[in-house]
Amino acid sequence: MSIASRTRVLVTPGLLCAALLMPLQTAAVDLSLHGFGTLAASRSSDGSAEPVRDLSQPSGITDAWSLTSDSLIGLQGNLRFSPTLEAVVQGISRYRYDGTYTPEITWAFVGFSPDPVWTLRAGRLGTEFYMLSDSRWVGYSFNTVRPPSDYYGTLPFNYVDGMDLAVTHPFAGGLLKGKLFGGESREQSPFGDLRFDLDGSLLLGGYVEYYLGDLQARIVHVGVRFANDLPLDAFYRTLPAATANELRVADRWSQFSSLGIVHDRGPLQTQFMLSRTHNDHGTFQDTWAGYLALNYRIGDWTPFIGLSMVKSEAKDLKHPIPGVTDLYQADFHSDHRTLLIGTRWDFRPNMALKAQVDLIRGSPDSIFLFRQETPDWDGSMNLFTLSLDVVF
């Protein structure tokens, strides 16, 4: 099975794991349970900053080996009532915003497919800002140890309570799929020693995806209207009202647009992703991000190489305060690139070992995707990771 095909299988409700399937048959109901997990040890070449997997983590990788950043375990249950109706529940235990591994429900929805063309789902759904983003916790479904953090790391949103509607139809010799989705976030994101409350934030979006032979391409656009401000009321009160209003994020929109292309032919798989984030406020910076990855299968081995990048720029404020608002905006700046080199070894069915080196090179003021940066941070470091991924 190709890597692209394996990914699509893993993220399809009811087929998340193709390994051990435990069905419970009744007269009208088919219950199946599945699981996935990652055990990963990482360290950096120095302790001048802590890169995080994504913005939902309060601390990142240090210069001491740790299992914290990427290790997780997930379980999923599928309850099929009929060929057209099923319910799906998924829970994951991972390092989260409060520094614990408290399990949380990431999927809990009912899906209705009256025919192969239409699918309606309602409940708690995985977010689909970028191609493959709803499966980024299933380590077995991709070759790298983690999805490139320069690209996926800016997303603190992992699920949304709402609904989506998808339509799939043959087109020009391939398969065309469109989806519209919307709902509200129920999550939190760490912000220093405080938390950014994302609960109640509105997410609206959609995508168009096309499959043609070995090629898969997707264009996505998602808008997020934040329900709450950052936990900085004391700071905002020190500013003139006009300046504070430019920086507040509550009731303002962030727009995420992306293009994803995966080509899988023979032993070679190529992935290309590009995204643009635009904000209607002066806090989070407008950002370009992307990556290109090449994977080449040789028997049970899949060596890979990739290059990811992220670059942002601050908004020009109408009412800036030199020495204050510019320093505030600098906390949300990213400007670096990462060379990914590694290999995957599928040494047993449904089990894979991975080794990866991340060579991060950038500007010393690139700090948004890092924690605990020190005066020694010069924008460059190396990461080393070993991982074991399983599905069961």
Protein backbone atom coordinates (compact mmCIF):
# COMPACT_ATOMS: atom_id res chain seq x y z
CA MET A 1 0.00 0.00 0.00
CA SER A 2 1.35 3.46 -0.89
CA ILE A 3 2.05 6.04 1.80
CA ALA A 4 -0.62 8.35 0.39
CA SER A 5 -3.13 5.50 0.32
CA ARG A 6 -2.14 4.45 3.82
CA THR A 7 -2.79 8.00 5.05
CA ARG A 8 -6.22 8.11 3.47
CA VAL A 9 -7.11 4.78 5.07
CA LEU A 10 -6.01 5.92 8.48
CA VAL A 11 -8.03 9.11 8.45
CA THR A 12 -11.24 7.58 7.11
CA PRO A 13 -13.77 6.97 9.92
CA GLY A 14 -14.05 3.26 10.61
CA LEU A 15 -10.67 2.37 9.02
CA LEU A 16 -8.24 4.33 11.18
CA CYS A 17 -6.13 1.27 11.84
CA ALA A 18 -5.85 -1.59 9.40
CA ALA A 19 -4.25 -3.88 11.95
CA LEU A 20 -6.15 -5.58 14.77
CA LEU A 21 -9.90 -5.23 14.24
CA MET A 22 -12.23 -6.31 16.99
CA PRO A 23 -15.81 -6.35 15.68
CA LEU A 24 -18.82 -7.05 17.82
CA GLN A 25 -21.66 -8.23 15.62
CA THR A 26 -25.28 -7.85 16.58
CA ALA A 27 -28.42 -7.96 14.54
CA ALA A 28 -28.11 -4.29 13.59
CA VAL A 29 -24.83 -2.91 14.97
CA ASP A 30 -21.15 -3.40 14.11
CA LEU A 31 -18.72 -2.12 16.77
CA SER A 32 -14.99 -1.94 16.08
CA LEU A 33 -12.14 -0.63 18.23
CA HIS A 34 -8.77 0.63 17.02
CA GLY A 35 -5.71 2.32 18.44
CA PHE A 36 -2.50 4.13 17.56
CA GLY A 37 0.51 5.33 19.49
CA THR A 38 3.91 6.99 19.31
CA LEU A 39 6.84 6.69 21.69
CA ALA A 40 9.40 9.34 20.73
CA ALA A 41 12.57 10.60 22.41
CA SER A 42 13.95 13.99 21.35
CA ARG A 43 16.71 16.41 22.28
CA SER A 44 18.23 19.60 20.89
CA SER A 45 21.85 20.57 20.34
CA ASP A 46 21.62 23.41 22.88
CA GLY A 47 19.28 24.82 25.48
CA SER A 48 18.96 28.35 24.14
CA ALA A 49 15.29 27.84 23.15
CA GLU A 50 12.66 25.10 23.21
CA PRO A 51 10.98 24.31 19.87
CA VAL A 52 7.42 23.02 20.26
CA ARG A 53 5.53 20.56 18.09
CA ASP A 54 2.69 23.11 17.94
CA LEU A 55 1.31 26.05 19.89
CA SER A 56 -0.82 23.80 22.12
CA GLN A 57 2.30 22.80 24.11
CA PRO A 58 3.55 24.89 27.08
CA SER A 59 7.19 23.78 26.71
CA GLY A 60 9.31 22.23 24.01
CA ILE A 61 12.36 20.13 23.24
CA THR A 62 15.44 20.83 25.39
CA ASP A 63 19.09 19.70 25.33
CA ALA A 64 18.18 16.65 27.46
CA TRP A 65 16.52 13.55 26.02
CA SER A 66 12.78 13.58 26.73
CA LEU A 67 9.67 11.62 25.73
CA THR A 68 7.38 14.62 26.19
CA SER A 69 6.96 16.40 22.87
CA ASP A 70 5.75 13.70 20.47
CA SER A 71 4.71 10.67 22.56
CA LEU A 72 0.99 9.91 22.64
CA ILE A 73 -1.62 7.18 22.55
CA GLY A 74 -5.06 7.20 20.95
CA LEU A 75 -8.10 4.93 20.85
CA GLN A 76 -11.05 5.02 18.48
CA GLY A 77 -14.39 3.27 18.42
CA ASN A 78 -16.68 3.00 15.40
CA LEU A 79 -20.31 2.03 15.80
CA ARG A 80 -21.97 1.29 12.48
CA PHE A 81 -25.75 1.11 12.66
CA SER A 82 -26.29 0.58 8.93
CA PRO A 83 -24.40 1.00 5.65
CA THR A 84 -25.36 4.69 5.74
CA LEU A 85 -25.09 5.61 9.43
CA GLU A 86 -22.21 5.37 11.91
CA ALA A 87 -20.91 7.00 15.09
CA VAL A 88 -17.20 7.59 15.80
CA VAL A 89 -15.44 8.45 19.07
CA GLN A 90 -11.69 9.04 19.40
CA GLY A 91 -9.66 9.94 22.47
CA ILE A 92 -5.99 10.92 22.71
CA SER A 93 -3.58 11.26 25.61
CA ARG A 94 -0.72 13.61 24.71
CA TYR A 95 1.30 16.51 26.13
CA ARG A 96 -1.19 19.37 26.18
CA TYR A 97 -1.69 23.00 27.12
CA ASP A 98 -1.74 22.46 30.92
CA GLY A 99 1.43 20.36 30.99
CA THR A 100 -0.45 17.10 31.62
CA TYR A 101 -1.38 14.04 29.58
CA THR A 102 -5.05 14.17 30.54
CA PRO A 103 -6.99 12.27 27.85
CA GLU A 104 -9.33 14.35 25.73
CA ILE A 105 -12.01 13.52 23.20
CA THR A 106 -10.86 14.70 19.78
CA TRP A 107 -13.54 13.06 17.62
CA ALA A 108 -17.15 12.34 18.61
CA PHE A 109 -19.51 12.53 15.68
CA VAL A 110 -22.32 10.85 13.82
CA GLY A 111 -21.87 10.41 10.07
CA PHE A 112 -24.60 9.88 7.49
CA SER A 113 -23.84 8.82 3.90
CA PRO A 114 -27.06 8.13 1.98
CA ASP A 115 -25.01 7.34 -1.14
CA PRO A 116 -21.35 7.50 -2.29
CA VAL A 117 -21.79 11.15 -3.29
CA TRP A 118 -22.97 12.84 -0.07
CA THR A 119 -21.62 12.66 3.49
CA LEU A 120 -22.91 14.65 6.45
CA ARG A 121 -21.17 14.58 9.85
CA ALA A 122 -22.13 16.34 13.09
CA GLY A 123 -20.41 16.45 16.47
CA ARG A 124 -16.73 16.87 17.37
CA LEU A 125 -14.59 16.77 14.23
CA GLY A 126 -10.88 17.00 13.50
CA THR A 127 -9.83 20.34 12.03
CA GLU A 128 -8.84 20.46 8.35
CA PHE A 129 -7.00 23.77 7.99
CA TYR A 130 -4.29 22.09 5.92
CA MET A 131 -4.05 18.90 3.90
CA LEU A 132 -3.47 15.86 6.21
CA SER A 133 -3.93 18.04 9.33
CA ASP A 134 -6.79 15.94 10.75
CA SER A 135 -4.47 12.89 10.89
CA ARG A 136 -1.35 14.61 12.24
CA TRP A 137 -1.52 12.75 15.57
CA VAL A 138 -1.37 9.32 13.89
CA GLY A 139 2.39 8.98 13.56
CA TYR A 140 2.16 5.74 11.62
CA SER A 141 0.36 7.54 8.77
CA PHE A 142 3.34 9.69 7.77
CA ASN A 143 7.07 9.11 7.30
CA THR A 144 8.58 11.91 9.36
CA VAL A 145 8.63 11.76 13.16
CA ARG A 146 6.21 14.69 13.30
CA PRO A 147 4.48 16.81 10.66
CA PRO A 148 6.82 19.77 9.91
CA SER A 149 6.35 22.20 12.80
CA ASP A 150 7.16 25.23 10.65
CA TYR A 151 3.97 24.46 8.72
CA TYR A 152 1.54 22.69 11.09
CA GLY A 153 2.92 24.11 14.36
CA THR A 154 1.08 27.42 14.18
CA LEU A 155 -2.26 25.63 14.63
CA PRO A 156 -3.50 25.34 18.24
CA PHE A 157 -6.83 24.01 16.94
CA ASN A 158 -7.17 20.22 16.92
CA TYR A 159 -10.95 19.75 16.87
CA VAL A 160 -14.16 21.70 16.40
CA ASP A 161 -17.71 21.10 17.62
CA GLY A 162 -19.91 21.50 14.59
CA MET A 163 -20.74 19.81 11.30
CA ASP A 164 -19.48 19.30 7.78
CA LEU A 165 -20.99 18.38 4.45
CA ALA A 166 -18.96 16.69 1.70
CA VAL A 167 -19.80 15.82 -1.88
CA THR A 168 -17.68 13.50 -4.05
CA HIS A 169 -18.15 12.96 -7.77
CA PRO A 170 -16.16 11.68 -10.75
CA PHE A 171 -14.66 14.51 -12.80
CA ALA A 172 -12.30 14.63 -15.81
CA GLY A 173 -11.08 11.10 -15.31
CA GLY A 174 -10.50 11.57 -11.59
CA LEU A 175 -12.47 12.16 -8.40
CA LEU A 176 -13.49 15.64 -7.22
CA LYS A 177 -14.43 16.27 -3.60
CA GLY A 178 -15.75 19.41 -1.97
CA LYS A 179 -16.41 20.01 1.71
CA LEU A 180 -17.91 22.82 3.79
CA PHE A 181 -17.53 22.84 7.58
CA GLY A 182 -18.19 25.04 10.57
CA GLY A 183 -18.36 25.02 14.34
CA GLU A 184 -16.83 26.30 17.55
CA SER A 185 -13.57 25.56 19.34
CA ARG A 186 -13.55 24.23 22.90
CA GLU A 187 -9.77 24.36 23.42
CA GLN A 188 -7.13 26.27 25.38
CA SER A 189 -3.65 27.36 24.32
CA PRO A 190 -0.74 28.11 26.69
CA PHE A 191 0.42 31.71 26.80
CA GLY A 192 3.45 32.03 29.06
CA ASP A 193 2.22 31.11 32.52
CA LEU A 194 -1.34 31.92 31.44
CA ARG A 195 -3.81 30.47 28.93
CA PHE A 196 -5.40 31.83 25.79
CA ASP A 197 -9.05 30.78 25.93
CA LEU A 198 -10.13 29.59 22.48
CA ASP A 199 -13.50 28.34 23.74
CA GLY A 200 -16.32 29.73 21.64
CA SER A 201 -14.13 30.79 18.72
CA LEU A 202 -15.95 30.32 15.42
CA LEU A 203 -14.36 28.26 12.64
CA LEU A 204 -15.79 28.35 9.11
CA GLY A 205 -14.20 26.90 6.01
CA GLY A 206 -14.11 24.52 3.13
CA TYR A 207 -11.90 22.85 0.59
CA VAL A 208 -11.84 21.41 -2.89
CA GLU A 209 -9.80 18.24 -3.44
CA TYR A 210 -8.99 16.34 -6.61
CA TYR A 211 -7.68 12.78 -7.04
CA LEU A 212 -6.25 11.71 -10.39
CA GLY A 213 -4.23 8.51 -10.47
CA ASP A 214 -1.12 9.05 -8.33
CA LEU A 215 -1.90 12.73 -7.73
CA GLN A 216 -3.88 14.32 -4.89
CA ALA A 217 -4.34 18.10 -4.59
CA ARG A 218 -6.32 20.23 -2.15
CA ILE A 219 -7.10 23.95 -1.83
CA VAL A 220 -8.40 25.04 1.60
CA HIS A 221 -9.65 28.25 3.16
CA VAL A 222 -10.63 28.59 6.83
CA GLY A 223 -11.65 31.65 8.82
CA VAL A 224 -11.37 31.85 12.63
CA ARG A 225 -13.15 34.53 14.67
CA PHE A 226 -11.66 34.55 18.15
CA ALA A 227 -14.15 34.72 20.99
CA ASN A 228 -11.70 36.05 23.58
CA ASP A 229 -8.68 38.32 23.88
CA LEU A 230 -5.26 37.16 24.93
CA PRO A 231 -4.91 37.17 28.75
CA LEU A 232 -3.28 40.63 28.69
CA ASP A 233 -5.97 42.95 30.04
CA ALA A 234 -3.53 44.66 32.40
CA PHE A 235 -1.25 45.46 29.46
CA TYR A 236 -4.11 46.68 27.26
CA ARG A 237 -5.25 49.05 30.02
CA THR A 238 -1.86 50.82 29.94
CA LEU A 239 -2.34 51.69 26.26
CA PRO A 240 -4.44 54.37 24.63
CA ALA A 241 -7.81 52.94 23.64
CA ALA A 242 -7.09 53.26 19.91
CA THR A 243 -3.82 51.33 20.22
CA ALA A 244 -5.31 48.64 22.45
CA ASN A 245 -8.18 48.18 20.01
CA GLU A 246 -5.74 47.47 17.17
CA LEU A 247 -4.09 44.72 19.22
CA ARG A 248 -7.15 42.99 20.63
CA VAL A 249 -8.10 39.75 18.88
CA ALA A 250 -11.60 39.16 20.31
CA ASP A 251 -14.25 39.25 17.56
CA ARG A 252 -11.51 39.60 14.92
CA TRP A 253 -10.81 37.15 12.13
CA SER A 254 -7.73 35.20 11.12
CA GLN A 255 -7.83 33.73 7.62
CA PHE A 256 -5.93 30.55 6.67
CA SER A 257 -5.45 29.65 3.00
CA SER A 258 -3.43 26.66 1.81
CA LEU A 259 -2.49 24.48 -1.12
CA GLY A 260 -1.42 20.84 -0.75
CA ILE A 261 -0.16 18.41 -3.39
CA VAL A 262 0.86 14.77 -2.89
CA HIS A 263 2.25 12.67 -5.73
CA ASP A 264 2.88 8.97 -5.09
CA ARG A 265 4.26 6.84 -7.92
CA GLY A 266 6.39 3.74 -7.52
CA PRO A 267 8.91 4.09 -4.71
CA LEU A 268 8.88 7.93 -4.76
CA GLN A 269 6.42 10.10 -2.88
CA THR A 270 6.51 13.89 -3.07
CA GLN A 271 4.64 16.29 -0.80
CA PHE A 272 4.34 20.04 -1.34
CA MET A 273 2.42 22.36 0.99
CA LEU A 274 2.05 26.14 1.01
CA SER A 275 -0.05 28.35 3.29
CA ARG A 276 -0.82 32.00 3.91
CA THR A 277 -2.29 33.41 7.13
CA HIS A 278 -3.84 36.88 7.21
CA ASN A 279 -5.09 38.58 10.38
CA ASP A 280 -7.58 41.41 10.91
CA HIS A 281 -5.73 42.61 14.02
CA GLY A 282 -2.22 43.72 14.94
CA THR A 283 -1.15 40.88 17.24
CA PHE A 284 -0.62 37.62 15.34
CA GLN A 285 1.56 38.28 12.33
CA ASP A 286 0.66 37.58 8.72
CA THR A 287 2.59 34.46 7.76
CA TRP A 288 3.82 32.44 4.80
CA ALA A 289 4.73 28.81 5.49
CA GLY A 290 5.43 25.74 3.42
CA TYR A 291 7.44 22.60 2.92
CA LEU A 292 8.65 20.17 0.28
CA ALA A 293 9.35 16.55 1.23
CA LEU A 294 10.72 13.63 -0.81
CA ASN A 295 10.29 10.02 0.38
CA TYR A 296 11.80 7.00 -1.37
CA ARG A 297 10.81 3.44 -0.42
CA ILE A 298 13.44 0.72 -0.55
CA GLY A 299 11.85 -2.47 0.73
CA ASP A 300 10.99 -1.92 4.39
CA TRP A 301 13.00 1.32 4.50
CA THR A 302 11.82 4.82 3.53
CA PRO A 303 14.54 7.48 3.72
CA PHE A 304 13.27 11.04 3.43
CA ILE A 305 14.50 14.59 3.08
CA GLY A 306 12.48 17.77 3.38
CA LEU A 307 12.75 21.52 3.63
CA SER A 308 10.20 23.60 5.56
CA MET A 309 10.02 27.32 6.16
CA VAL A 310 7.99 29.97 7.96
CA LYS A 311 8.22 33.74 7.70
CA SER A 312 5.94 36.38 9.20
CA GLU A 313 5.68 40.13 9.32
CA ALA A 314 3.99 42.45 11.78
CA LYS A 315 1.04 44.64 10.91
CA ASP A 316 1.63 48.36 10.50
CA LEU A 317 -0.38 49.98 13.28
CA LYS A 318 -2.22 53.26 12.88
CA HIS A 319 -1.51 54.14 16.50
CA PRO A 320 1.89 52.61 17.38
CA ILE A 321 3.85 53.36 20.53
CA PRO A 322 7.59 53.04 19.74
CA GLY A 323 9.40 50.82 22.21
CA VAL A 324 6.12 49.25 23.35
CA THR A 325 3.93 47.94 20.54
CA ASP A 326 6.92 46.92 18.40
CA LEU A 327 8.32 44.83 21.27
CA TYR A 328 4.88 43.33 21.83
CA GLN A 329 4.51 42.36 18.17
CA ALA A 330 8.01 40.85 18.15
CA ASP A 331 6.80 38.06 20.45
CA PHE A 332 4.75 36.68 17.55
CA HIS A 333 7.48 36.70 14.89
CA SER A 334 8.75 33.68 12.92
CA ASP A 335 11.56 33.62 10.36
CA HIS A 336 13.40 30.34 9.93
CA ARG A 337 13.73 27.22 7.80
CA THR A 338 14.34 23.58 8.70
CA LEU A 339 16.09 20.83 6.78
CA LEU A 340 14.60 17.42 7.71
CA ILE A 341 16.67 14.28 7.15
CA GLY A 342 15.74 10.81 8.34
CA THR A 343 14.45 7.35 7.62
CA ARG A 344 11.55 5.07 8.47
CA TRP A 345 11.87 1.30 8.96
CA ASP A 346 8.70 -0.82 8.85
CA PHE A 347 10.30 -3.70 10.74
CA ARG A 348 7.04 -5.47 11.58
CA PRO A 349 3.44 -5.24 10.37
CA ASN A 350 1.79 -2.11 11.85
CA MET A 351 5.02 -0.97 13.55
CA ALA A 352 7.62 1.51 12.35
CA LEU A 353 10.86 2.90 13.74
CA LYS A 354 12.00 6.36 12.69
CA ALA A 355 15.16 8.43 13.11
CA GLN A 356 15.23 12.12 12.19
CA VAL A 357 17.52 15.15 12.37
CA ASP A 358 16.08 18.68 12.07
CA LEU A 359 18.58 21.38 11.12
CA ILE A 360 16.92 24.69 12.10
CA ARG A 361 18.42 27.87 10.69
CA GLY A 362 16.93 31.31 11.05
CA SER A 363 16.89 34.72 12.61
CA PRO A 364 17.44 35.28 16.35
CA ASP A 365 14.13 37.15 16.46
CA SER A 366 12.25 34.06 15.27
CA ILE A 367 10.66 33.06 18.58
CA PHE A 368 6.93 32.40 18.03
CA LEU A 369 7.30 28.59 17.69
CA PHE A 370 9.77 28.39 20.57
CA ARG A 371 9.51 28.58 24.36
CA GLN A 372 11.96 29.79 26.99
CA GLU A 373 14.33 31.47 24.55
CA THR A 374 17.48 32.90 26.19
CA PRO A 375 19.92 35.68 25.17
CA ASP A 376 22.09 32.91 23.64
CA TRP A 377 19.39 32.06 21.08
CA ASP A 378 20.84 32.83 17.64
CA GLY A 379 18.08 31.31 15.52
CA SER A 380 19.87 28.02 14.84
CA MET A 381 19.89 24.60 16.48
CA ASN A 382 19.66 20.91 15.62
CA LEU A 383 17.05 18.42 16.84
CA PHE A 384 17.52 14.65 17.13
CA THR A 385 14.56 12.27 17.44
CA LEU A 386 14.01 8.50 17.61
CA SER A 387 10.44 7.18 17.55
CA LEU A 388 8.33 4.03 17.48
CA ASP A 389 4.89 4.24 15.83
CA VAL A 390 2.23 1.53 16.08
CA VAL A 391 -1.36 0.91 15.07
CA PHE A 392 -3.43 -1.81 16.68
